[in-house]
N, C-alpha and C. Protein backbone atom coordinates (compact mmCIF):
# COMPACT_ATOMS: atom_id res chain seq x y z
N MET A 1 231.93 93.97 17.51
CA MET A 1 231.21 95.07 18.13
C MET A 1 229.97 95.40 17.30
N ASP A 2 228.85 95.53 17.97
CA ASP A 2 227.60 95.82 17.27
C ASP A 2 227.55 97.28 16.84
N ALA A 3 226.84 97.51 15.76
CA ALA A 3 226.63 98.89 15.30
C ALA A 3 225.69 99.59 16.27
N PRO A 4 225.84 100.91 16.45
CA PRO A 4 224.94 101.62 17.37
C PRO A 4 223.50 101.51 16.89
N ARG A 5 222.60 101.36 17.84
CA ARG A 5 221.18 101.24 17.54
C ARG A 5 220.58 102.61 17.29
N THR A 6 219.80 102.72 16.25
CA THR A 6 219.13 103.99 15.99
C THR A 6 217.67 103.87 16.38
N ILE A 7 217.11 104.95 16.85
CA ILE A 7 215.70 104.98 17.24
C ILE A 7 214.90 105.44 16.03
N PRO A 8 213.93 104.63 15.59
CA PRO A 8 213.14 105.03 14.42
C PRO A 8 212.31 106.28 14.73
N PRO A 9 212.06 107.10 13.71
CA PRO A 9 211.27 108.32 13.93
C PRO A 9 209.82 107.97 14.32
N LEU A 10 209.19 108.87 15.02
CA LEU A 10 207.79 108.68 15.39
C LEU A 10 206.94 108.97 14.17
N GLU A 11 206.29 107.94 13.64
CA GLU A 11 205.57 108.12 12.41
C GLU A 11 204.24 108.84 12.59
N LYS A 12 203.41 108.37 13.51
CA LYS A 12 202.09 108.98 13.67
C LYS A 12 201.85 109.46 15.09
N GLY A 13 202.78 109.22 15.99
CA GLY A 13 202.55 109.54 17.39
C GLY A 13 202.88 110.95 17.80
N GLY A 14 203.49 111.74 16.92
CA GLY A 14 203.84 113.10 17.28
C GLY A 14 205.06 113.14 18.19
N SER A 15 205.40 114.31 18.63
CA SER A 15 206.57 114.50 19.48
C SER A 15 206.24 114.16 20.92
N ARG A 16 207.15 113.48 21.59
CA ARG A 16 206.98 113.17 23.01
C ARG A 16 207.81 114.13 23.86
N GLU A 17 208.33 115.15 23.26
CA GLU A 17 209.17 116.10 23.97
C GLU A 17 208.37 116.78 25.10
N GLY A 18 209.00 116.91 26.25
CA GLY A 18 208.35 117.57 27.37
C GLY A 18 207.65 116.61 28.32
N ASN A 19 207.50 115.36 27.94
CA ASN A 19 206.87 114.36 28.80
C ASN A 19 207.97 113.42 29.32
N GLU A 20 208.50 113.74 30.48
CA GLU A 20 209.60 112.95 31.00
C GLU A 20 209.19 111.49 31.18
N PHE A 21 208.03 111.26 31.73
CA PHE A 21 207.51 109.91 31.91
C PHE A 21 206.09 109.90 31.38
N VAL A 22 205.89 109.27 30.24
CA VAL A 22 204.56 109.22 29.65
C VAL A 22 203.64 108.44 30.57
N ARG A 23 202.40 108.87 30.69
CA ARG A 23 201.37 108.30 31.56
C ARG A 23 201.64 108.53 33.04
N SER A 24 202.56 109.42 33.35
CA SER A 24 202.85 109.73 34.75
C SER A 24 202.61 111.21 34.98
N PRO A 25 201.98 111.57 36.09
CA PRO A 25 201.77 112.99 36.36
C PRO A 25 203.10 113.69 36.63
N ARG A 26 203.16 114.95 36.29
CA ARG A 26 204.40 115.71 36.49
C ARG A 26 204.70 115.90 37.97
N ALA A 27 203.68 115.96 38.80
CA ALA A 27 203.88 116.13 40.24
C ALA A 27 202.81 115.36 41.00
N THR A 28 203.19 114.77 42.12
CA THR A 28 202.24 114.11 43.00
C THR A 28 202.58 114.47 44.45
N ALA A 29 201.59 114.39 45.29
CA ALA A 29 201.80 114.64 46.72
C ALA A 29 200.88 113.72 47.50
N LEU A 30 201.34 113.28 48.65
CA LEU A 30 200.54 112.42 49.52
C LEU A 30 200.64 112.95 50.93
N LEU A 31 199.50 113.19 51.54
CA LEU A 31 199.45 113.63 52.93
C LEU A 31 198.75 112.56 53.74
N ALA A 32 199.25 112.30 54.94
CA ALA A 32 198.64 111.30 55.82
C ALA A 32 198.67 111.82 57.25
N ALA A 33 197.60 111.54 57.98
CA ALA A 33 197.54 111.97 59.38
C ALA A 33 196.80 110.92 60.21
N ASP A 34 197.30 110.69 61.42
CA ASP A 34 196.66 109.79 62.39
C ASP A 34 196.40 110.58 63.66
N TYR A 35 195.24 110.33 64.27
CA TYR A 35 194.93 110.93 65.56
C TYR A 35 194.52 109.81 66.50
N ARG A 36 195.25 109.64 67.58
CA ARG A 36 194.98 108.54 68.52
C ARG A 36 194.26 109.05 69.76
N ILE A 37 193.19 108.35 70.12
CA ILE A 37 192.40 108.69 71.31
C ILE A 37 192.51 107.52 72.28
N LEU A 38 193.16 107.74 73.42
CA LEU A 38 193.28 106.69 74.43
C LEU A 38 191.96 106.57 75.17
N LEU A 39 191.44 105.34 75.27
CA LEU A 39 190.16 105.12 75.93
C LEU A 39 190.34 104.62 77.36
N SER A 40 190.99 103.53 77.51
CA SER A 40 191.22 102.96 78.84
C SER A 40 192.67 102.52 78.93
N LYS A 41 192.93 101.57 79.75
CA LYS A 41 194.29 101.10 80.00
C LYS A 41 195.17 101.08 78.74
N ASP A 42 194.90 100.20 77.82
CA ASP A 42 195.69 100.10 76.59
C ASP A 42 194.85 100.22 75.32
N SER A 43 193.56 100.34 75.43
CA SER A 43 192.72 100.41 74.23
C SER A 43 192.71 101.84 73.70
N LYS A 44 192.50 101.94 72.39
CA LYS A 44 192.47 103.26 71.78
C LYS A 44 191.68 103.23 70.48
N VAL A 45 191.30 104.41 70.04
CA VAL A 45 190.67 104.61 68.74
C VAL A 45 191.64 105.44 67.91
N VAL A 46 191.84 105.03 66.68
CA VAL A 46 192.73 105.76 65.78
C VAL A 46 191.91 106.28 64.61
N LEU A 47 191.91 107.59 64.43
CA LEU A 47 191.27 108.23 63.28
C LEU A 47 192.38 108.57 62.29
N ALA A 48 192.21 108.19 61.05
CA ALA A 48 193.27 108.41 60.07
C ALA A 48 192.67 108.92 58.76
N ALA A 49 193.45 109.72 58.08
CA ALA A 49 193.04 110.23 56.76
C ALA A 49 194.28 110.32 55.87
N THR A 50 194.08 110.06 54.59
CA THR A 50 195.13 110.25 53.60
C THR A 50 194.55 111.01 52.42
N GLY A 51 195.36 111.77 51.79
CA GLY A 51 194.95 112.51 50.60
C GLY A 51 196.05 112.46 49.57
N ALA A 52 195.71 112.12 48.35
CA ALA A 52 196.67 112.07 47.25
C ALA A 52 196.28 113.12 46.22
N LEU A 53 197.23 113.91 45.82
CA LEU A 53 197.02 114.93 44.79
C LEU A 53 197.96 114.62 43.64
N ARG A 54 197.44 114.67 42.43
CA ARG A 54 198.31 114.47 41.28
C ARG A 54 197.91 115.38 40.14
N ARG A 55 198.89 115.90 39.46
CA ARG A 55 198.64 116.77 38.32
C ARG A 55 198.24 115.93 37.12
N SER A 56 197.82 116.59 36.07
CA SER A 56 197.38 115.87 34.88
C SER A 56 198.52 115.09 34.25
N SER A 57 198.17 114.05 33.51
CA SER A 57 199.16 113.25 32.80
C SER A 57 198.66 112.98 31.39
N LEU A 58 199.60 112.84 30.50
CA LEU A 58 199.28 112.61 29.10
C LEU A 58 199.64 111.19 28.71
N ARG A 59 198.88 110.63 27.81
CA ARG A 59 199.17 109.27 27.37
C ARG A 59 200.44 109.25 26.53
N ARG A 60 200.59 110.19 25.64
CA ARG A 60 201.76 110.19 24.76
C ARG A 60 202.47 111.53 24.76
N SER A 61 201.84 112.55 24.25
CA SER A 61 202.52 113.84 24.11
C SER A 61 201.50 114.96 24.18
N ALA A 62 202.02 116.16 24.27
CA ALA A 62 201.14 117.33 24.34
C ALA A 62 200.38 117.54 23.05
N THR A 63 200.84 116.93 21.95
CA THR A 63 200.17 117.10 20.66
C THR A 63 199.19 115.98 20.36
N ASP A 64 199.06 115.02 21.25
CA ASP A 64 198.14 113.90 21.05
C ASP A 64 196.71 114.43 21.13
N THR A 65 195.91 114.16 20.11
CA THR A 65 194.56 114.71 20.05
C THR A 65 193.51 113.82 20.69
N ARG A 66 193.91 112.66 21.20
CA ARG A 66 192.94 111.74 21.79
C ARG A 66 192.78 112.07 23.28
N GLY A 67 192.01 113.08 23.56
CA GLY A 67 191.87 113.58 24.92
C GLY A 67 191.29 112.58 25.91
N LEU A 68 190.50 111.63 25.45
CA LEU A 68 189.91 110.65 26.36
C LEU A 68 190.97 109.74 26.97
N LEU A 69 192.15 109.67 26.38
CA LEU A 69 193.22 108.84 26.91
C LEU A 69 194.01 109.56 28.00
N ASN A 70 193.87 110.88 28.07
CA ASN A 70 194.62 111.66 29.04
C ASN A 70 193.87 111.73 30.37
N GLN A 71 194.62 111.96 31.45
CA GLN A 71 194.03 112.07 32.79
C GLN A 71 194.22 113.49 33.30
N GLY A 72 193.13 114.13 33.68
CA GLY A 72 193.23 115.46 34.27
C GLY A 72 193.73 115.38 35.71
N ALA A 73 194.00 116.52 36.30
CA ALA A 73 194.44 116.56 37.70
C ALA A 73 193.35 115.97 38.59
N ALA A 74 193.77 115.28 39.65
CA ALA A 74 192.80 114.64 40.54
C ALA A 74 193.32 114.66 41.97
N SER A 75 192.38 114.68 42.90
CA SER A 75 192.73 114.52 44.31
C SER A 75 191.81 113.44 44.89
N ILE A 76 192.40 112.56 45.67
CA ILE A 76 191.68 111.42 46.22
C ILE A 76 191.88 111.39 47.72
N ALA A 77 190.79 111.31 48.48
CA ALA A 77 190.86 111.27 49.94
C ALA A 77 190.35 109.93 50.46
N ASN A 78 191.02 109.42 51.48
CA ASN A 78 190.63 108.17 52.13
C ASN A 78 190.51 108.41 53.63
N ALA A 79 189.63 107.66 54.30
CA ALA A 79 189.45 107.80 55.75
C ALA A 79 189.41 106.41 56.39
N ARG A 80 189.87 106.37 57.65
CA ARG A 80 189.92 105.09 58.36
C ARG A 80 189.69 105.32 59.85
N VAL A 81 188.92 104.44 60.48
CA VAL A 81 188.73 104.44 61.93
C VAL A 81 189.11 103.05 62.43
N SER A 82 189.97 103.00 63.43
CA SER A 82 190.41 101.71 63.99
C SER A 82 190.19 101.71 65.50
N TYR A 83 189.79 100.55 66.01
CA TYR A 83 189.68 100.34 67.45
C TYR A 83 190.70 99.28 67.82
N VAL A 84 191.61 99.64 68.72
CA VAL A 84 192.66 98.73 69.16
C VAL A 84 192.31 98.22 70.55
N LEU A 85 192.18 96.91 70.68
CA LEU A 85 191.87 96.31 71.98
C LEU A 85 193.06 96.44 72.93
N PRO A 86 192.81 96.30 74.23
CA PRO A 86 193.91 96.38 75.19
C PRO A 86 195.04 95.42 74.82
N GLU A 87 196.24 95.84 75.11
CA GLU A 87 197.48 95.12 74.81
C GLU A 87 197.77 95.07 73.31
N GLY A 88 196.96 95.70 72.50
CA GLY A 88 197.22 95.78 71.06
C GLY A 88 197.17 94.47 70.31
N LYS A 89 196.55 93.46 70.91
CA LYS A 89 196.54 92.14 70.28
C LYS A 89 195.64 92.11 69.04
N TYR A 90 194.50 92.81 69.08
CA TYR A 90 193.56 92.84 67.95
C TYR A 90 193.20 94.27 67.61
N THR A 91 193.00 94.50 66.32
CA THR A 91 192.58 95.82 65.83
C THR A 91 191.41 95.61 64.87
N PHE A 92 190.35 96.38 65.06
CA PHE A 92 189.19 96.36 64.16
C PHE A 92 189.19 97.68 63.40
N THR A 93 189.05 97.59 62.09
CA THR A 93 189.17 98.78 61.25
C THR A 93 188.00 98.89 60.28
N ALA A 94 187.51 100.11 60.12
CA ALA A 94 186.53 100.44 59.07
C ALA A 94 187.15 101.56 58.24
N TYR A 95 187.01 101.46 56.93
CA TYR A 95 187.64 102.48 56.09
C TYR A 95 186.79 102.79 54.87
N VAL A 96 187.04 103.94 54.31
CA VAL A 96 186.40 104.38 53.06
C VAL A 96 187.51 104.89 52.15
N ASN A 97 187.65 104.28 51.00
CA ASN A 97 188.60 104.76 49.99
C ASN A 97 187.86 105.66 49.01
N ASN A 98 188.52 106.70 48.56
CA ASN A 98 187.95 107.64 47.60
C ASN A 98 186.64 108.23 48.14
N VAL A 99 186.75 108.92 49.25
CA VAL A 99 185.59 109.47 49.97
C VAL A 99 184.69 110.31 49.07
N ALA A 100 185.26 111.15 48.23
CA ALA A 100 184.46 112.04 47.38
C ALA A 100 184.02 111.36 46.09
N ASP A 101 184.33 110.07 45.92
CA ASP A 101 183.96 109.31 44.73
C ASP A 101 184.50 109.99 43.45
N THR A 102 185.76 110.41 43.51
CA THR A 102 186.41 111.04 42.38
C THR A 102 186.64 110.02 41.27
N ILE A 103 186.28 110.40 40.05
CA ILE A 103 186.51 109.51 38.91
C ILE A 103 187.87 109.85 38.32
N TYR A 104 188.72 108.85 38.22
CA TYR A 104 190.06 109.07 37.66
C TYR A 104 190.48 107.81 36.91
N LYS A 105 191.43 107.98 36.01
CA LYS A 105 191.93 106.86 35.22
C LYS A 105 193.21 106.35 35.85
N ASN A 106 193.25 105.07 36.08
CA ASN A 106 194.47 104.46 36.59
C ASN A 106 195.34 103.98 35.43
N HIS A 107 194.69 103.53 34.36
CA HIS A 107 195.40 103.06 33.19
C HIS A 107 194.45 103.13 32.00
N THR A 108 194.95 103.50 30.83
CA THR A 108 194.11 103.63 29.64
C THR A 108 194.80 102.96 28.46
N LEU A 109 194.06 102.19 27.72
CA LEU A 109 194.57 101.55 26.50
C LEU A 109 193.66 101.91 25.34
N THR A 110 194.23 101.89 24.16
CA THR A 110 193.41 102.11 22.97
C THR A 110 192.93 100.76 22.45
N SER A 111 191.92 100.80 21.62
CA SER A 111 191.41 99.55 21.02
C SER A 111 192.07 99.29 19.68
N LEU A 112 192.88 100.24 19.20
CA LEU A 112 193.55 100.07 17.91
C LEU A 112 194.89 99.40 18.08
N GLY A 113 195.30 98.63 17.09
CA GLY A 113 196.63 98.03 17.11
C GLY A 113 197.69 99.09 16.86
N ALA A 114 198.93 98.75 17.14
CA ALA A 114 200.04 99.71 16.99
C ALA A 114 200.17 100.21 15.56
N ALA A 115 199.89 99.36 14.58
CA ALA A 115 200.02 99.77 13.18
C ALA A 115 198.94 100.75 12.77
N GLN A 116 197.81 100.77 13.49
CA GLN A 116 196.70 101.63 13.11
C GLN A 116 196.68 102.94 13.88
N GLU A 117 197.51 103.09 14.90
CA GLU A 117 197.46 104.31 15.72
C GLU A 117 197.97 105.50 14.94
């Protein structure tokens, strides 16, 4: 039987207490809506919008002083217009992602090695 594994103390990273999932926002929400406009027999136009809201997230912990690695709260909106030909055989779509051109971080890495952090 192996001896129980111990977790080494955090030497320079500070406490991670309070961050259930590091690099993940504490809360997120996604809203989506479609509006269909019937044109003729089977053809239609579909107007669609989605919005994602997320609270701020921390790279490591609340005591981490490297603020550029953290992500503030952000909301992102997308829009789409589709034209569906009769019988639904073909659909033509135009879309815009991030309508308001919100700047947000999807992933952040440091340039320092683990031993230097």
